Amino acid sequence: METNDESISTPAQKPNTGVALWAIAAFITAIVMCTHNNSAMVLGAGFFAKCFAVIVGTILGLLGALAGDAIRRFARPDFIFTTGGFAHLIWIKIFWRIGPQLVGLFLGVALGSSLVLR
């Protein structure tokens, strides 16, 4: 009995919107870090060097955010105990939601931009 490949359907995978959002955040951060920076390294660079710095900063920023997400998934505590009250509990929850990703994003963008513009 032969099977027809067209009759076998696989469920469609949902696109990962988290990766797309971190890529957009890395792109915006790279643009801001390359345009609103008053250091001699950035001011002395040309237009195409800054464009390449934005591209490399975006890629490394996205990789940093994904590495931060992996660290968050590994190190996130199961239970949170606090003596600081409700506001401190909210702050801890917000940190464990986006904190490590933001640290990785900023470090990746800064490293990528500075490697190109150096």
Protein backbone atom coordinates (compact mmCIF):
# COMPACT_ATOMS: atom_id res chain seq x y z
CA MET A 1 0.00 0.00 0.00
CA GLU A 2 1.45 3.32 -1.06
CA THR A 3 1.04 6.47 0.94
CA ASN A 4 0.53 9.79 -0.68
CA ASP A 5 2.80 12.49 0.75
CA GLU A 6 0.21 15.14 0.07
CA SER A 7 -2.39 13.49 2.28
CA ILE A 8 -0.14 13.54 5.34
CA SER A 9 -0.49 16.86 7.07
CA THR A 10 1.70 18.17 9.81
CA PRO A 11 0.56 20.88 12.18
CA ALA A 12 1.89 24.29 11.26
CA GLN A 13 4.41 25.70 13.67
CA LYS A 14 3.62 29.03 15.23
CA PRO A 15 6.26 31.66 14.56
CA ASN A 16 8.21 32.59 17.65
CA THR A 17 7.17 36.18 18.29
CA GLY A 18 9.59 36.52 21.20
CA VAL A 19 12.61 36.24 18.92
CA ALA A 20 11.13 38.80 16.53
CA LEU A 21 10.44 41.24 19.36
CA TRP A 22 13.98 40.88 20.72
CA ALA A 23 15.36 41.40 17.19
CA ILE A 24 13.34 44.62 16.84
CA ALA A 25 14.48 45.75 20.29
CA ALA A 26 18.11 45.00 19.35
CA PHE A 27 17.77 46.96 16.10
CA ILE A 28 16.27 50.00 17.84
CA THR A 29 18.89 49.85 20.59
CA ALA A 30 21.71 49.60 18.04
CA ILE A 31 20.39 52.63 16.14
CA VAL A 32 20.06 54.66 19.34
CA MET A 33 23.53 53.66 20.54
CA CYS A 34 25.11 54.62 17.21
CA THR A 35 23.27 57.90 16.70
CA HIS A 36 23.05 59.38 20.20
CA ASN A 37 26.61 58.62 21.24
CA ASN A 38 29.09 61.47 21.70
CA SER A 39 32.27 59.44 22.00
CA ALA A 40 35.15 60.13 19.62
CA MET A 41 34.91 56.58 18.31
CA VAL A 42 31.38 57.14 17.00
CA LEU A 43 31.77 60.77 15.97
CA GLY A 44 34.81 59.95 13.82
CA ALA A 45 33.14 57.07 12.01
CA GLY A 46 31.60 57.43 8.58
CA PHE A 47 28.05 56.67 7.50
CA PHE A 48 28.72 53.15 6.20
CA ALA A 49 30.77 52.25 9.28
CA LYS A 50 27.84 53.28 11.45
CA CYS A 51 25.43 51.26 9.27
CA PHE A 52 27.67 48.20 9.58
CA ALA A 53 27.93 48.81 13.34
CA VAL A 54 24.12 48.83 13.56
CA ILE A 55 23.93 45.53 11.65
CA VAL A 56 26.59 43.82 13.77
CA GLY A 57 25.16 45.34 16.95
CA THR A 58 21.70 44.05 16.05
CA ILE A 59 22.98 40.52 15.44
CA LEU A 60 25.06 40.38 18.61
CA GLY A 61 22.28 42.07 20.60
CA LEU A 62 19.81 39.43 19.47
CA LEU A 63 22.28 36.67 20.35
CA GLY A 64 22.81 38.31 23.76
CA ALA A 65 19.07 38.47 24.37
CA LEU A 66 18.67 34.81 23.43
CA ALA A 67 21.58 33.87 25.71
CA GLY A 68 19.97 35.90 28.49
CA ASP A 69 16.71 34.04 27.90
CA ALA A 70 18.52 30.71 28.20
CA ILE A 71 20.15 31.85 31.44
CA ARG A 72 16.77 33.06 32.72
CA ARG A 73 15.13 29.72 31.98
CA PHE A 74 17.96 27.89 33.76
CA ALA A 75 18.36 30.16 36.81
CA ARG A 76 14.82 31.42 37.42
CA PRO A 77 13.68 30.46 40.93
CA ASP A 78 10.59 28.34 41.40
CA PHE A 79 9.50 30.22 44.50
CA ILE A 80 10.05 33.82 45.50
CA PHE A 81 10.14 34.87 49.13
CA THR A 82 10.42 38.53 50.00
CA THR A 83 10.32 40.74 53.05
CA GLY A 84 10.02 43.93 51.01
CA GLY A 85 6.29 43.80 50.48
CA PHE A 86 4.14 43.67 47.39
CA ALA A 87 6.13 46.25 45.40
CA HIS A 88 9.33 44.27 45.89
CA LEU A 89 7.57 41.11 44.76
CA ILE A 90 6.39 42.84 41.57
CA TRP A 91 9.93 44.14 40.94
CA ILE A 92 11.39 40.62 41.29
CA LYS A 93 8.78 39.19 38.93
CA ILE A 94 9.49 41.89 36.32
CA PHE A 95 13.23 41.24 36.61
CA TRP A 96 12.88 37.51 36.06
CA ARG A 97 10.55 38.16 33.11
CA ILE A 98 12.86 40.47 31.08
CA GLY A 99 15.98 41.26 33.13
CA PRO A 100 18.57 38.79 31.83
CA GLN A 101 17.45 39.33 28.24
CA LEU A 102 17.87 43.11 28.55
CA VAL A 103 21.34 42.72 30.05
CA GLY A 104 22.36 40.40 27.20
CA LEU A 105 20.80 42.71 24.62
CA PHE A 106 22.66 45.81 25.85
CA LEU A 107 25.96 43.97 26.21
CA GLY A 108 25.63 42.44 22.73
CA VAL A 109 24.74 45.73 21.04
CA ALA A 110 27.53 47.60 22.83
CA LEU A 111 30.08 44.91 22.03
CA GLY A 112 29.03 44.63 18.38
CA SER A 113 29.02 48.37 17.78
CA SER A 114 32.32 48.93 19.53
CA LEU A 115 34.02 46.09 17.64
CA VAL A 116 33.09 47.64 14.31
CA LEU A 117 33.79 51.26 15.19
CA ARG A 118 37.08 50.60 16.92
